[in-house]
Structures are given as structure tokens and as C-alpha cells.
């Protein structure tokens, strides 16, 4: 009987242990399940800035208008729109018969002015001899002052010098005509792409009339105009972001080449020019482009993601993780770029900041970090 009682007591104790033990484990398990999952990242220094966007157009680095130095008939046209040409490559040639006529005409003009010069030179020499004679007579009182002044004027070199200049110009014109006759071909002064052709074979063209345009597209520039609030953020050599929507993957790095120190008198805006490399010629002159300029630059400042900041009762609050608990901290904010905001006070570099789940926690909430970066 006594043995049965002992067995009964032991069984009862065992049951109690099992019941209370399982209950304790369930309580602990429930406590462990009562946490808020969050994502975090460490607070670090960053460079912050806002952006200003200005629209403009792309232009070729160089655009040269090619013209013939002589009038004549286009004998052969080699250039076509879109063709790539080398420096000194022949674009078109003129009929030498027409050029020969101009050579003959230039020679006749040269002969005429040379003859005129020789006549005037002889006259000037005689006038000089006469002036010396009159000068002597004037000193002796044998001629009047009027005769003396007239003789002096006649002996002047002004008229002879003017004719001599005409001879020099006629010689230049004649030599140029000879040079053109030797090679009646008109060549490209630069390496580039033919953008305009205004002539046809068989057409008679005048001298100095625009015949062909050649552009250099290896580098292009975008020109914009900025306001007085932006100009002081810019300097020659500075890199800027250039976006051209009409080009696939149209994000380029441009370099400021021209930053005007004075505003345009009409627009009161400051002209700016940024160059970009364009070796593959995907950017065409005339395309619209945007230049993105960083403003309000803050270097090496403490900054956090803007969404990490929660506003409560007019205060800016963030949460950091300390010993698996959320700790609320009031922060003082500075520059806000949209994605990030500058923190002037309330946090320290290296704090583990909650960036997701911050809207579901409060001070001292138990949290579990399930993601994020360090």
C-alpha cells in the first residue's frame, strides 16, 4: 500500500513537471516570437547635392564652309552628303578653261598697273629734279613761294606709293590665279563629314560662294544658358552630366569648356558650353540635350535615407538598433536631396539605423534585423 502511494506521488510530480515545463517553453517561445523585423544600415559620411537641369542643343566641334577662290564650271563633284572626308581630300574640281580666262584677265590688269607705275615713276623722278632746281631758286628769291609749294607737291611720293600698292595687289591676284590653274581642285580644309552640298556638276559658280559644308563630329558641344544663381557653381574644366534622350544610352560625361563671366545683354543669362566625346558620331548636331548641374554641394557630411526619418509631434525621429531594441533619436536635419538628408545632430557615424520597418516600431521595441547593408 505504501509502495502504491509513493508511485502515485512520483507520477503526479512528473505530470506537474511536464505541464509546467511545456508551459514555460511555450511562454519563452511566444516571447521570442514578439519582435518586429527591420532592415538597417550604418550611418556614414556622404557627399550630397541638389541638381539643376538646363536644356540646350548639340553643335559640331567645327563647321567649315568651303568655297572656290575662282569662278568657273564644276567639272567633277566628288563630295556627297554624309561622306567622311580627310583633310586636303578633293571635294570638287573646276574646268581649267574657265580659270585660264581669269589668269589672262589678271595678267592684263597687272600689265596695265605696271605700265602706269613706270610712267608715274618717271614723272616723279623728273618732278624731284625740278623741285631741287626750284628749291635753289626759291632760296635766292628768284621764284615765288607758290611755285615752290607746287614743285614740292609734284615731287611727293604719295601718288607713286598708291600705284605701287596697286601693282602689288595685281601681282597677288595673278599669282593666285596661276596657283588655281595648276590645281583646279577644291580641297577640304579639315577632316570631317560633308553636311551640305550646294553645287552640281556642270554648274557655273562664283568665287567665294558657299559650295560645301564640312563638320567635325568627333567632339560635339552642348550650349546652354544658366541663371545668376547657378553660374558661380561652374568653372572651366568641370565635369557635368549630359543627357540626350534621342540617343540610345544617352548619358554622357561632359567637360565645361566655356563659362561666360558676363550675362547676355538681352536675356540676362550666362552662356555655357560643355564638350562630349562623339567618336561613334551617335550625337548629331541639332539634337536636344540636357545638362545636369550639381548645386548646394555638401562634401563628407553625415547623411541618412530620407525615408528613415519619421515625423512625430513635430519632431524628426529616427530609430537605431541597440541590443536588439529600437531606440528613438531626435535629429536635426540640413540639406535634403530627396533620396538623402543631411543630419546636423542627433546621430553618430556608425549607428545602426533602421531604414525599413521604422514606421512600425517605437522606442524600446524588440526588433530583429532581417536585412540591410553595413
Protein backbone atom coordinates (compact mmCIF):
# COMPACT_ATOMS: atom_id res chain seq x y z
CA UNK A 1 0.00 0.00 0.00
CA UNK A 2 2.77 2.36 0.96
CA UNK A 3 4.56 1.50 -2.26
CA UNK A 4 1.50 2.43 -4.31
CA UNK A 5 1.31 5.85 -2.64
CA UNK A 6 4.95 6.54 -3.43
CA UNK A 7 4.41 5.61 -7.07
CA UNK A 8 1.34 7.84 -7.20
CA UNK A 9 3.24 10.81 -5.83
CA UNK A 10 6.11 10.35 -8.27
CA UNK A 11 3.73 10.13 -11.21
CA UNK A 12 1.93 13.27 -10.05
CA UNK A 13 5.21 15.17 -9.74
CA UNK A 14 6.26 14.02 -13.19
CA UNK A 15 2.97 15.20 -14.68
CA UNK A 16 3.35 18.58 -13.00
CA UNK A 17 6.89 18.94 -14.31
CA UNK A 18 5.78 18.10 -17.83
CA UNK A 19 2.81 20.51 -17.69
CA UNK A 20 4.71 23.47 -16.21
CA UNK A 21 7.80 22.74 -18.30
CA UNK A 22 5.87 22.81 -21.56
CA UNK A 23 4.07 25.96 -20.47
CA UNK A 24 7.36 27.69 -19.71
CA UNK A 25 8.75 26.67 -23.10
CA UNK A 26 5.59 27.97 -24.81
CA UNK A 27 5.88 31.28 -22.91
CA UNK A 28 9.53 31.67 -23.89
CA UNK A 29 8.65 30.76 -27.47
CA UNK A 30 5.90 33.39 -27.54
CA UNK A 31 8.26 35.99 -26.11
CA UNK A 32 10.81 35.11 -28.78
CA UNK A 33 8.14 35.47 -31.48
CA UNK A 34 7.20 39.00 -30.34
CA UNK A 35 9.71 41.04 -32.35
CA UNK A 36 9.48 43.43 -35.33
CA UNK A 37 11.59 42.57 -38.40
CA UNK A 38 13.62 45.53 -39.68
CA UNK A 39 16.32 46.37 -42.18
CA UNK A 40 19.26 48.56 -41.20
CA UNK A 41 22.37 50.27 -42.49
CA UNK A 42 25.26 52.01 -40.79
CA UNK A 43 25.31 55.79 -40.69
CA UNK A 44 28.16 57.07 -42.90
CA UNK A 45 29.56 60.27 -44.39
CA UNK A 46 28.32 61.14 -47.88
CA UNK A 47 28.57 63.90 -50.46
CA UNK A 48 25.17 65.48 -51.02
CA UNK A 49 24.00 67.90 -53.69
CA UNK A 50 20.89 69.08 -55.44
CA UNK A 51 20.59 69.20 -59.21
CA UNK A 52 19.58 71.86 -61.70
CA UNK A 53 18.66 70.82 -65.26
CA UNK A 54 19.14 73.11 -68.27
CA UNK A 55 18.14 72.37 -71.87
CA UNK A 56 20.16 73.17 -74.96
CA UNK A 57 21.29 71.84 -78.34
CA UNK A 58 24.26 69.89 -79.62
CA UNK A 59 26.64 71.51 -82.11
CA UNK A 60 29.54 70.19 -84.16
CA UNK A 61 33.00 70.98 -82.84
CA UNK A 62 33.89 72.65 -86.16
CA UNK A 63 31.87 73.58 -89.23
CA UNK A 64 33.76 74.86 -92.25
CA UNK A 65 32.17 76.45 -95.30
CA UNK A 66 34.20 75.50 -98.40
CA UNK A 67 34.23 77.87 -101.37
CA UNK A 68 36.25 78.16 -104.55
CA UNK A 69 38.70 81.03 -104.84
CA UNK A 70 37.81 81.33 -108.50
CA UNK A 71 34.64 81.39 -110.55
CA UNK A 72 34.15 78.58 -113.05
CA UNK A 73 32.25 75.50 -114.17
CA UNK A 74 32.16 72.48 -111.83
CA UNK A 75 33.90 69.78 -113.86
CA UNK A 76 33.73 66.99 -111.25
CA UNK A 77 31.90 66.74 -107.90
CA UNK A 78 33.28 64.11 -105.54
CA UNK A 79 31.62 65.10 -102.25
CA UNK A 80 28.25 63.79 -101.12
CA UNK A 81 26.23 64.50 -98.01
CA UNK A 82 27.17 62.15 -95.17
CA UNK A 83 30.53 61.15 -96.64
CA UNK A 84 33.59 61.16 -94.42
CA UNK A 85 36.49 63.15 -95.85
CA UNK A 86 40.13 63.58 -94.88
CA UNK A 87 41.99 66.86 -94.62
CA UNK A 88 43.11 68.01 -98.11
CA UNK A 89 40.83 65.49 -99.82
CA UNK A 90 39.43 66.82 -103.12
CA UNK A 91 35.77 67.83 -102.88
CA UNK A 92 35.24 69.17 -106.42
CA UNK A 93 37.24 70.50 -109.36
CA UNK A 94 36.67 73.30 -111.86
CA UNK A 95 37.13 73.42 -115.61
CA UNK A 96 40.62 74.84 -116.28
CA UNK A 97 39.41 76.61 -119.43
CA UNK A 98 37.36 79.00 -117.29
CA UNK A 99 40.25 79.53 -114.91
CA UNK A 100 42.63 80.27 -117.81
CA UNK A 101 40.36 83.15 -118.81
CA UNK A 102 40.72 84.59 -115.32
CA UNK A 103 44.50 84.15 -115.47
CA UNK A 104 44.61 86.06 -118.75
CA UNK A 105 42.41 88.80 -117.31
CA UNK A 106 44.55 89.11 -114.19
CA UNK A 107 47.69 89.36 -116.34
CA UNK A 108 46.22 92.18 -118.39
CA UNK A 109 45.39 94.10 -115.21
CA UNK A 110 48.91 93.51 -113.92
CA UNK A 111 50.45 94.78 -117.20
CA UNK A 112 48.29 97.90 -117.08
CA UNK A 113 49.15 98.87 -113.50
CA UNK A 114 52.83 98.12 -114.08
CA UNK A 115 52.88 100.43 -117.10
CA UNK A 116 51.11 103.09 -115.10
CA UNK A 117 53.63 102.70 -112.32
CA UNK A 118 56.60 103.08 -114.69
CA UNK A 119 55.10 106.26 -116.16
CA UNK A 120 54.43 107.73 -112.72
CA UNK A 121 57.88 106.75 -111.53
CA UNK A 122 59.45 108.62 -114.45
CA UNK A 123 57.27 111.64 -113.74
CA UNK A 124 58.18 111.52 -110.05
CA UNK A 125 61.89 111.42 -110.88
CA UNK A 126 61.55 114.45 -113.16
CA UNK A 127 59.47 116.23 -110.53
CA UNK A 128 62.17 115.61 -107.93
CA UNK A 129 64.87 117.08 -110.19
CA UNK A 130 62.64 120.08 -110.90
CA UNK A 131 61.94 120.58 -107.19
CA UNK A 132 65.65 120.70 -106.37
CA UNK A 133 66.09 123.40 -109.00
CA UNK A 134 63.07 125.42 -107.74
CA UNK A 135 64.26 124.98 -104.17
CA UNK A 136 67.59 126.62 -105.06
CA UNK A 137 65.87 129.46 -106.89
CA UNK A 138 63.46 129.97 -104.00
CA UNK A 139 66.37 130.31 -101.60
CA UNK A 140 67.76 133.02 -103.88
CA UNK A 141 64.38 134.75 -104.06
CA UNK A 142 64.06 134.11 -107.79
CA UNK A 143 60.70 132.23 -107.58
CA UNK A 144 57.58 132.74 -105.51
CA UNK A 145 56.53 130.63 -102.56
CA UNK A 146 53.57 129.37 -104.59
CA UNK A 147 55.87 127.98 -107.29
CA UNK A 148 57.99 126.41 -104.56
CA UNK A 149 54.97 124.67 -102.91
CA UNK A 150 53.68 123.36 -106.25
CA UNK A 151 57.06 121.92 -107.12
CA UNK A 152 57.30 120.31 -103.70
CA UNK A 153 53.86 118.73 -104.06
CA UNK A 154 54.69 117.38 -107.52
CA UNK A 155 57.80 115.72 -106.12
CA UNK A 156 55.79 113.93 -103.40
CA UNK A 157 55.83 110.09 -103.32
CA UNK A 158 52.16 109.74 -102.30
CA UNK A 159 50.80 109.13 -105.79
CA UNK A 160 53.64 106.77 -106.66
CA UNK A 161 53.14 104.80 -103.44
CA UNK A 162 49.44 104.32 -104.18
CA UNK A 163 50.15 102.95 -107.66
CA UNK A 164 52.90 100.73 -106.24
CA UNK A 165 50.30 99.20 -103.88
CA UNK A 166 48.05 98.55 -106.87
CA UNK A 167 50.89 96.72 -108.59
CA UNK A 168 51.47 94.53 -105.51
CA UNK A 169 47.77 93.62 -105.32
CA UNK A 170 47.64 92.82 -109.06
CA UNK A 171 50.68 90.56 -108.68
CA UNK A 172 48.99 88.69 -105.79
CA UNK A 173 45.80 88.23 -107.83
CA UNK A 174 47.74 86.98 -110.82
CA UNK A 175 49.81 84.52 -108.70
CA UNK A 176 46.63 83.18 -107.07
CA UNK A 177 45.05 82.63 -110.47
CA UNK A 178 48.15 80.72 -111.59
CA UNK A 179 48.04 78.54 -108.47
CA UNK A 180 44.39 77.71 -109.08
CA UNK A 181 45.16 76.89 -112.69
CA UNK A 182 47.89 74.46 -111.63
CA UNK A 183 45.40 72.57 -109.46
CA UNK A 184 41.80 73.36 -110.22
CA UNK A 185 40.68 71.16 -107.33
CA UNK A 186 38.98 72.48 -104.17
CA UNK A 187 40.01 70.51 -101.07
CA UNK A 188 38.62 70.01 -97.60
CA UNK A 189 40.48 72.11 -95.01
CA UNK A 190 39.61 69.69 -92.17
CA UNK A 191 38.83 66.04 -91.54
CA UNK A 192 35.12 65.56 -91.04
CA UNK A 193 31.76 64.73 -92.60
CA UNK A 194 30.10 66.50 -95.51
CA UNK A 195 26.90 68.07 -94.21
CA UNK A 196 25.83 70.34 -97.09
CA UNK A 197 26.43 70.29 -100.86
CA UNK A 198 25.15 73.35 -102.72
CA UNK A 199 26.65 72.68 -106.17
CA UNK A 200 26.21 70.25 -109.05
CA UNK A 201 28.43 69.05 -111.87
CA UNK A 202 28.20 71.36 -114.88
CA UNK A 203 27.09 74.31 -112.76
CA UNK A 204 28.97 77.58 -113.08
CA UNK A 205 29.73 79.02 -109.66
CA UNK A 206 31.05 82.35 -108.49
CA UNK A 207 34.15 82.80 -106.35
CA UNK A 208 33.68 82.76 -102.57
CA UNK A 209 30.12 81.40 -102.79
CA UNK A 210 29.35 78.64 -100.25
CA UNK A 211 29.68 75.34 -102.09
CA UNK A 212 30.12 72.61 -99.45
CA UNK A 213 29.99 72.40 -95.64
CA UNK A 214 32.25 70.01 -93.73
CA UNK A 215 31.75 69.37 -89.99
CA UNK A 216 33.95 67.76 -87.35
CA UNK A 217 31.75 65.47 -85.21
CA UNK A 218 34.42 63.59 -83.24
CA UNK A 219 33.66 66.06 -80.48
CA UNK A 220 30.41 67.94 -80.06
CA UNK A 221 29.36 70.58 -77.60
CA UNK A 222 26.09 71.39 -75.90
CA UNK A 223 25.34 75.05 -75.34
CA UNK A 224 23.00 76.23 -72.59
CA UNK A 225 22.22 79.45 -70.74
CA UNK A 226 22.13 79.49 -66.93
CA UNK A 227 20.86 81.94 -64.34
CA UNK A 228 22.86 84.06 -61.95
CA UNK A 229 22.04 81.62 -59.13
CA UNK A 230 23.86 78.81 -60.96
CA UNK A 231 26.84 80.50 -62.64
CA UNK A 232 29.03 80.51 -59.52
CA UNK A 233 28.74 76.73 -59.23
CA UNK A 234 30.51 76.32 -62.59
CA UNK A 235 34.11 76.54 -63.78
CA UNK A 236 36.10 75.64 -66.89
CA UNK A 237 37.25 72.00 -66.80
CA UNK A 238 34.41 70.89 -64.51
CA UNK A 239 32.64 67.64 -65.43
CA UNK A 240 28.85 67.63 -65.78
CA UNK A 241 26.25 65.04 -66.70
CA UNK A 242 24.78 65.36 -70.20
CA UNK A 243 21.58 63.56 -71.22
CA UNK A 244 20.43 63.19 -74.83
CA UNK A 245 17.12 61.33 -74.97
CA UNK A 246 17.19 60.68 -78.72
CA UNK A 247 20.36 58.59 -78.36
CA UNK A 248 20.29 55.04 -77.03
CA UNK A 249 22.05 55.03 -73.66
CA UNK A 250 22.28 58.78 -74.00
CA UNK A 251 24.14 59.54 -70.76
CA UNK A 252 27.45 61.29 -71.30
CA UNK A 253 30.10 63.00 -69.23
CA UNK A 254 30.71 66.50 -70.50
CA UNK A 255 33.54 68.92 -69.69
CA UNK A 256 32.84 72.62 -69.40
CA UNK A 257 34.95 74.48 -71.96
CA UNK A 258 33.37 77.91 -71.83
CA UNK A 259 31.82 79.64 -68.82
CA UNK A 260 30.92 83.21 -69.64
CA UNK A 261 31.76 85.70 -66.87
CA UNK A 262 29.09 88.13 -68.08
CA UNK A 263 25.39 87.80 -68.84
CA UNK A 264 23.87 88.26 -72.27
CA UNK A 265 22.58 91.83 -72.57
CA UNK A 266 19.16 90.70 -73.84
CA UNK A 267 18.44 87.52 -71.89
CA UNK A 268 20.47 88.27 -68.74
CA UNK A 269 21.58 84.63 -68.82
CA UNK A 270 25.14 83.26 -68.86
CA UNK A 271 26.20 81.17 -71.91
CA UNK A 272 27.81 77.83 -71.02
CA UNK A 273 29.41 75.25 -73.32
CA UNK A 274 30.16 71.60 -72.47
CA UNK A 275 32.08 69.25 -74.78
CA UNK A 276 31.50 65.50 -75.05
CA UNK A 277 33.42 62.84 -77.00
CA UNK A 278 31.50 61.57 -80.01
CA UNK A 279 33.85 59.22 -81.87
CA UNK A 280 30.98 56.98 -82.94
CA UNK A 281 29.02 60.02 -84.21
CA UNK A 282 25.80 58.97 -82.47
CA UNK A 283 25.18 62.55 -81.35
CA UNK A 284 24.11 64.68 -84.29
CA UNK A 285 24.26 68.48 -84.41
CA UNK A 286 20.85 69.93 -83.60
CA UNK A 287 19.83 67.23 -81.12
CA UNK A 288 18.23 68.46 -77.91
CA UNK A 289 20.21 67.80 -74.75
CA UNK A 290 20.03 68.40 -71.00
CA UNK A 291 22.96 69.37 -68.81
CA UNK A 292 22.59 68.42 -65.16
CA UNK A 293 24.48 70.70 -62.80
CA UNK A 294 25.09 69.80 -59.12
CA UNK A 295 24.27 72.61 -56.71
CA UNK A 296 24.38 73.07 -52.92
CA UNK A 297 27.23 70.58 -52.69
CA UNK A 298 27.95 69.21 -49.19
CA UNK A 299 31.06 67.04 -49.00
CA UNK A 300 31.73 64.44 -46.28
CA UNK A 301 28.59 65.13 -44.26
CA UNK A 302 26.59 62.70 -42.14
CA UNK A 303 23.51 61.72 -44.12
CA UNK A 304 20.70 59.16 -43.95
CA UNK A 305 17.99 57.96 -46.26
CA UNK A 306 15.10 60.41 -46.25
CA UNK A 307 12.51 57.67 -45.64
CA UNK A 308 14.31 56.66 -42.45
CA UNK A 309 13.13 59.90 -40.82
CA UNK A 310 9.70 59.75 -39.15
CA UNK A 311 7.85 62.89 -38.08
CA UNK A 312 6.14 62.59 -34.71
CA UNK A 313 4.57 65.51 -32.86
CA UNK A 314 6.53 67.96 -34.98
CA UNK A 315 9.85 66.26 -34.28
CA UNK A 316 12.14 64.45 -36.70
CA UNK A 317 12.77 60.96 -35.31
CA UNK A 318 14.96 58.09 -36.43
CA UNK A 319 15.43 54.68 -34.85
CA UNK A 320 18.71 52.90 -34.25
CA UNK A 321 19.22 49.34 -33.08
CA UNK A 322 20.87 48.86 -29.67
CA UNK A 323 20.92 45.40 -28.08
CA UNK A 324 18.12 44.17 -30.35
CA UNK A 325 15.86 47.08 -29.42
CA UNK A 326 14.76 50.17 -31.32
CA UNK A 327 16.00 53.39 -29.75
CA UNK A 328 14.33 56.63 -30.83
CA UNK A 329 16.57 59.61 -31.52
CA UNK A 330 15.52 63.14 -32.41
CA UNK A 331 17.68 64.54 -35.23
CA UNK A 332 18.42 67.97 -36.63
CA UNK A 333 18.25 67.98 -40.43
CA UNK A 334 20.05 70.01 -43.10
CA UNK A 335 20.14 69.70 -46.90
CA UNK A 336 17.50 67.36 -48.34
CA UNK A 337 18.18 65.98 -51.83
CA UNK A 338 15.10 63.79 -51.94
CA UNK A 339 16.91 60.47 -51.58
CA UNK A 340 19.15 61.50 -48.69
CA UNK A 341 19.02 64.16 -46.00
CA UNK A 342 21.90 65.73 -44.10
CA UNK A 343 21.95 65.13 -40.33
CA UNK A 344 23.36 68.03 -38.34
CA UNK A 345 22.84 66.47 -34.93
CA UNK A 346 21.33 63.57 -33.00
CA UNK A 347 23.23 60.69 -34.63
CA UNK A 348 26.78 59.42 -34.75
CA UNK A 349 28.81 57.81 -37.52
CA UNK A 350 28.50 54.04 -37.21
CA UNK A 351 25.00 53.99 -35.65
CA UNK A 352 22.88 51.11 -36.95
CA UNK A 353 19.93 52.94 -38.45
CA UNK A 354 16.56 51.32 -39.19
CA UNK A 355 15.70 52.04 -42.84
CA UNK A 356 12.74 49.65 -43.22
CA UNK A 357 10.20 48.91 -40.55
CA UNK A 358 10.71 52.28 -38.84
CA UNK A 359 7.01 53.09 -39.14
CA UNK A 360 6.09 50.01 -37.09
CA UNK A 361 8.42 50.41 -34.13
CA UNK A 362 8.52 52.66 -31.14
CA UNK A 363 11.13 53.38 -28.53
CA UNK A 364 12.36 50.13 -26.84
CA UNK A 365 10.50 47.86 -29.30
CA UNK A 366 12.17 44.47 -29.67
CA UNK A 367 13.46 44.16 -33.24
CA UNK A 368 15.21 41.61 -35.35
CA UNK A 369 17.48 42.68 -38.21
CA UNK A 370 16.48 40.66 -41.27
CA UNK A 371 18.23 42.64 -43.98
CA UNK A 372 20.10 45.78 -44.96
CA UNK A 373 23.70 46.82 -45.55
CA UNK A 374 26.64 47.66 -43.38
